N, C-alpha and C. Protein backbone atom coordinates (compact mmCIF):
# COMPACT_ATOMS: atom_id res chain seq x y z
N MET A 1 -24.82 -29.12 -20.86
CA MET A 1 -25.24 -28.35 -21.90
C MET A 1 -24.72 -28.69 -23.07
N ASN A 2 -25.42 -28.83 -24.19
CA ASN A 2 -25.04 -29.20 -25.51
C ASN A 2 -25.01 -27.97 -26.54
N PHE A 3 -24.09 -27.94 -27.28
CA PHE A 3 -23.97 -26.79 -28.23
C PHE A 3 -24.08 -27.47 -29.68
N GLU A 4 -24.85 -26.86 -30.59
CA GLU A 4 -25.01 -27.49 -31.99
C GLU A 4 -24.87 -26.32 -32.90
N SER A 5 -24.26 -26.53 -34.23
CA SER A 5 -24.01 -25.59 -34.94
C SER A 5 -25.38 -25.30 -35.79
N LEU A 6 -25.77 -23.78 -36.32
CA LEU A 6 -26.82 -23.82 -36.86
C LEU A 6 -26.45 -23.16 -38.22
N GLU A 7 -27.56 -23.50 -39.25
CA GLU A 7 -27.40 -22.88 -40.51
C GLU A 7 -28.55 -21.84 -40.58
N LEU A 8 -28.05 -20.53 -40.84
CA LEU A 8 -28.94 -19.54 -40.77
C LEU A 8 -29.27 -19.14 -42.07
N GLU A 9 -30.57 -18.68 -42.42
CA GLU A 9 -31.12 -18.10 -43.72
C GLU A 9 -30.47 -16.79 -43.76
N GLU A 10 -30.58 -16.19 -44.97
CA GLU A 10 -30.29 -14.57 -45.07
C GLU A 10 -31.41 -13.90 -44.48
N PRO A 11 -31.26 -12.82 -43.98
CA PRO A 11 -32.32 -12.04 -43.47
C PRO A 11 -33.43 -11.72 -44.16
N ARG A 12 -34.61 -11.92 -43.97
CA ARG A 12 -35.81 -11.46 -44.81
C ARG A 12 -35.74 -10.03 -44.93
N HIS A 13 -36.77 -9.60 -45.66
CA HIS A 13 -36.94 -8.09 -46.01
C HIS A 13 -36.94 -7.15 -44.48
N ASP A 14 -37.57 -7.50 -43.60
CA ASP A 14 -37.72 -6.82 -42.42
C ASP A 14 -36.95 -7.56 -41.18
N GLU A 15 -35.94 -8.18 -41.51
CA GLU A 15 -35.10 -8.59 -40.31
C GLU A 15 -33.65 -8.25 -40.18
N VAL A 16 -33.04 -8.45 -39.09
CA VAL A 16 -31.62 -8.13 -39.04
C VAL A 16 -30.89 -9.29 -38.27
N ARG A 17 -29.81 -9.62 -38.84
CA ARG A 17 -28.84 -10.59 -38.16
C ARG A 17 -27.88 -9.79 -37.20
N VAL A 18 -27.91 -10.28 -35.91
CA VAL A 18 -26.85 -9.69 -35.01
C VAL A 18 -25.91 -10.87 -34.65
N ARG A 19 -24.73 -10.46 -34.44
CA ARG A 19 -23.71 -11.46 -33.78
C ARG A 19 -23.76 -10.95 -32.40
N LEU A 20 -24.34 -11.84 -31.50
CA LEU A 20 -24.35 -11.53 -30.13
C LEU A 20 -23.15 -11.53 -29.36
N VAL A 21 -22.94 -10.69 -28.47
CA VAL A 21 -21.71 -10.46 -27.67
C VAL A 21 -22.23 -10.95 -26.21
N ALA A 22 -23.34 -10.63 -25.89
CA ALA A 22 -23.98 -11.04 -24.52
C ALA A 22 -25.22 -11.39 -24.67
N SER A 23 -25.44 -12.44 -23.71
CA SER A 23 -27.04 -12.83 -23.85
C SER A 23 -27.42 -13.21 -22.42
N GLY A 24 -28.65 -13.02 -22.11
CA GLY A 24 -29.14 -13.44 -20.68
C GLY A 24 -30.28 -14.43 -20.81
N VAL A 25 -30.16 -15.42 -20.00
CA VAL A 25 -30.82 -16.49 -20.24
C VAL A 25 -31.79 -16.52 -18.83
N CYS A 26 -32.97 -16.08 -18.74
CA CYS A 26 -33.66 -15.84 -17.48
C CYS A 26 -34.58 -16.90 -17.13
N HIS A 27 -35.33 -16.74 -16.12
CA HIS A 27 -36.21 -17.79 -15.51
C HIS A 27 -37.17 -18.27 -16.51
N THR A 28 -37.64 -17.18 -17.44
CA THR A 28 -38.79 -17.74 -18.60
C THR A 28 -38.00 -18.73 -19.45
N ASP A 29 -36.77 -18.30 -19.81
CA ASP A 29 -36.12 -19.14 -20.78
C ASP A 29 -36.02 -20.62 -19.94
N MET A 30 -35.63 -20.75 -18.85
CA MET A 30 -35.52 -21.92 -18.04
C MET A 30 -36.89 -22.64 -18.06
N ALA A 31 -38.00 -22.01 -17.78
CA ALA A 31 -39.15 -22.83 -17.84
C ALA A 31 -39.67 -23.16 -19.15
N ILE A 32 -39.20 -22.52 -20.21
CA ILE A 32 -39.65 -22.90 -21.66
C ILE A 32 -38.77 -24.09 -21.93
N ARG A 33 -37.37 -24.13 -21.49
CA ARG A 33 -36.60 -25.35 -21.73
C ARG A 33 -37.26 -26.58 -20.99
N ASP A 34 -37.82 -26.42 -19.69
CA ASP A 34 -38.19 -27.42 -19.06
C ASP A 34 -39.62 -27.76 -19.17
N GLN A 35 -40.20 -27.35 -20.39
CA GLN A 35 -41.62 -27.47 -20.95
C GLN A 35 -42.54 -27.06 -19.88
N LYS A 36 -42.33 -26.03 -19.16
CA LYS A 36 -43.28 -25.80 -18.04
C LYS A 36 -44.48 -24.71 -18.55
N ILE A 37 -43.99 -23.85 -19.60
CA ILE A 37 -44.86 -22.82 -19.95
C ILE A 37 -45.82 -23.36 -21.19
N VAL A 38 -45.16 -23.60 -22.27
CA VAL A 38 -45.66 -24.34 -23.42
C VAL A 38 -44.66 -25.21 -24.16
N PRO A 39 -45.27 -26.22 -24.62
CA PRO A 39 -44.32 -27.16 -25.31
C PRO A 39 -43.62 -26.75 -26.41
N MET A 40 -42.16 -26.78 -26.38
CA MET A 40 -41.31 -26.11 -27.38
C MET A 40 -40.27 -27.21 -27.83
N PRO A 41 -40.41 -27.28 -29.16
CA PRO A 41 -39.45 -28.34 -29.84
C PRO A 41 -38.05 -28.19 -29.19
N GLN A 42 -37.23 -29.29 -29.22
CA GLN A 42 -35.88 -29.14 -28.69
C GLN A 42 -35.10 -29.74 -29.77
N PRO A 43 -33.70 -29.29 -29.91
CA PRO A 43 -33.16 -28.43 -29.21
C PRO A 43 -33.77 -26.78 -29.48
N ILE A 44 -33.42 -26.04 -28.54
CA ILE A 44 -33.88 -24.64 -28.85
C ILE A 44 -32.74 -23.64 -28.34
N VAL A 45 -32.91 -22.42 -29.08
CA VAL A 45 -31.84 -21.37 -28.64
C VAL A 45 -32.59 -20.50 -27.66
N LEU A 46 -31.87 -20.41 -26.47
CA LEU A 46 -32.34 -19.58 -25.44
C LEU A 46 -31.92 -18.30 -25.19
N GLY A 47 -32.26 -17.39 -24.62
CA GLY A 47 -31.80 -16.18 -24.65
C GLY A 47 -32.26 -14.86 -25.28
N HIS A 48 -33.49 -14.30 -24.94
CA HIS A 48 -34.16 -13.53 -25.69
C HIS A 48 -33.73 -12.01 -25.25
N GLU A 49 -32.77 -11.83 -24.60
CA GLU A 49 -32.32 -10.61 -24.24
C GLU A 49 -30.85 -10.49 -24.69
N GLY A 50 -30.44 -9.57 -25.16
CA GLY A 50 -29.01 -9.67 -25.48
C GLY A 50 -28.44 -8.30 -26.05
N ALA A 51 -27.20 -8.13 -26.37
CA ALA A 51 -26.38 -7.25 -26.87
C ALA A 51 -25.33 -7.71 -28.08
N GLY A 52 -25.49 -6.92 -29.18
CA GLY A 52 -24.40 -7.54 -30.18
C GLY A 52 -24.19 -6.32 -31.13
N ILE A 53 -23.79 -6.66 -32.56
CA ILE A 53 -23.38 -6.04 -33.50
C ILE A 53 -24.17 -6.50 -34.80
N VAL A 54 -24.77 -5.58 -35.41
CA VAL A 54 -25.38 -5.98 -36.65
C VAL A 54 -24.42 -6.51 -37.65
N GLU A 55 -24.78 -7.56 -38.30
CA GLU A 55 -23.92 -8.37 -39.28
C GLU A 55 -24.58 -8.06 -40.62
N LYS A 56 -25.98 -8.35 -40.82
CA LYS A 56 -26.68 -8.17 -41.93
C LYS A 56 -28.01 -7.54 -41.97
N VAL A 57 -28.51 -6.94 -42.62
CA VAL A 57 -29.96 -6.34 -42.78
C VAL A 57 -30.74 -6.70 -44.02
N GLY A 58 -31.82 -6.96 -43.64
CA GLY A 58 -32.87 -7.03 -44.93
C GLY A 58 -33.01 -5.85 -45.65
N ALA A 59 -33.71 -6.03 -46.95
CA ALA A 59 -33.62 -4.87 -47.77
C ALA A 59 -34.50 -3.79 -47.51
N GLY A 60 -35.58 -4.08 -46.34
CA GLY A 60 -36.63 -3.10 -45.86
C GLY A 60 -36.01 -2.32 -44.59
N VAL A 61 -34.84 -2.83 -43.93
CA VAL A 61 -34.54 -2.42 -42.66
C VAL A 61 -34.02 -1.00 -43.06
N ALA A 62 -34.38 -0.10 -42.18
CA ALA A 62 -33.96 1.36 -42.32
C ALA A 62 -33.35 1.96 -40.88
N LYS A 63 -33.61 1.49 -39.87
CA LYS A 63 -33.16 2.00 -38.44
C LYS A 63 -31.79 1.59 -38.22
N VAL A 64 -31.42 0.45 -38.66
CA VAL A 64 -30.13 0.18 -38.19
C VAL A 64 -29.18 -0.12 -39.55
N LYS A 65 -27.90 -0.33 -39.44
CA LYS A 65 -27.15 -0.63 -40.48
C LYS A 65 -25.88 -1.58 -40.01
N VAL A 66 -25.15 -2.36 -40.93
CA VAL A 66 -24.31 -3.12 -40.64
C VAL A 66 -23.19 -2.43 -39.75
N GLY A 67 -22.80 -2.96 -38.62
CA GLY A 67 -21.81 -2.35 -37.59
C GLY A 67 -22.30 -1.67 -36.48
N ASP A 68 -23.59 -1.39 -36.70
CA ASP A 68 -24.30 -0.87 -35.35
C ASP A 68 -24.17 -1.56 -34.17
N ARG A 69 -24.17 -1.16 -32.99
CA ARG A 69 -24.29 -1.95 -31.70
C ARG A 69 -25.70 -1.61 -31.39
N VAL A 70 -26.32 -2.86 -30.88
CA VAL A 70 -27.71 -3.20 -30.55
C VAL A 70 -28.05 -3.64 -29.28
N ILE A 71 -29.11 -3.31 -28.61
CA ILE A 71 -29.67 -4.24 -27.53
C ILE A 71 -30.88 -4.94 -28.00
N LEU A 72 -31.05 -6.17 -27.72
CA LEU A 72 -32.24 -6.85 -28.07
C LEU A 72 -33.09 -6.97 -26.89
N CYS A 73 -34.36 -6.92 -27.37
CA CYS A 73 -35.51 -6.96 -26.41
C CYS A 73 -36.65 -7.53 -26.94
N GLY A 74 -37.06 -8.57 -26.64
CA GLY A 74 -38.46 -9.16 -27.20
C GLY A 74 -39.77 -8.51 -26.96
N ASP A 75 -39.93 -7.62 -26.21
CA ASP A 75 -41.03 -6.87 -25.73
C ASP A 75 -40.94 -5.42 -26.58
N SER A 76 -40.40 -5.19 -27.67
CA SER A 76 -40.50 -3.92 -28.09
C SER A 76 -40.69 -3.89 -29.30
N CYS A 77 -42.10 -3.56 -30.03
CA CYS A 77 -42.20 -3.55 -31.37
C CYS A 77 -41.65 -2.20 -32.30
N GLY A 78 -41.66 -1.27 -31.53
CA GLY A 78 -41.25 0.17 -31.96
C GLY A 78 -42.53 0.98 -32.57
N ASN A 79 -43.62 0.45 -32.57
CA ASN A 79 -44.68 1.21 -33.20
C ASN A 79 -45.88 1.41 -32.26
N CYS A 80 -46.13 0.65 -31.36
CA CYS A 80 -47.11 0.56 -30.44
C CYS A 80 -47.19 1.93 -29.82
N PRO A 81 -48.21 2.35 -29.00
CA PRO A 81 -48.12 3.53 -28.27
C PRO A 81 -47.20 3.31 -27.11
N SER A 82 -46.97 2.36 -26.50
CA SER A 82 -45.96 2.10 -25.32
C SER A 82 -44.61 2.37 -25.85
N CYS A 83 -44.21 2.02 -27.15
CA CYS A 83 -42.99 2.22 -27.76
C CYS A 83 -42.79 3.73 -28.26
N GLN A 84 -43.76 4.32 -28.48
CA GLN A 84 -43.53 5.61 -28.95
C GLN A 84 -43.26 6.41 -27.86
N VAL A 85 -43.53 6.32 -26.65
CA VAL A 85 -43.07 7.02 -25.52
C VAL A 85 -42.01 6.37 -24.74
N ASN A 86 -41.27 5.37 -25.57
CA ASN A 86 -40.13 4.77 -24.84
C ASN A 86 -40.56 3.97 -23.71
N LEU A 87 -41.56 3.33 -23.59
CA LEU A 87 -41.98 2.40 -22.61
C LEU A 87 -42.53 1.25 -22.99
N PRO A 88 -41.64 0.30 -23.62
CA PRO A 88 -42.06 -0.95 -24.24
C PRO A 88 -42.70 -1.84 -23.03
N SER A 89 -43.74 -2.60 -23.38
CA SER A 89 -44.32 -3.39 -22.35
C SER A 89 -43.49 -4.52 -21.99
């Protein structure tokens, strides 16, 4: 496994930067890495589930602030009917 440094832009208006403390790389990530689902440019940052601490927020972000501990999930928009009853798809 190779690791590379990345330069990150500042968070956009509706984005949050989180310093990950833990991340899971699941079978879906492995299938993407191996080009079995969709062609994906390499190198790639895997791990769409994780937990960490908010480091920066965009100007339009109101639900979290710097220092908050958060859990990341790719299937939660926060606005759809499923999210409104705490059942993200």
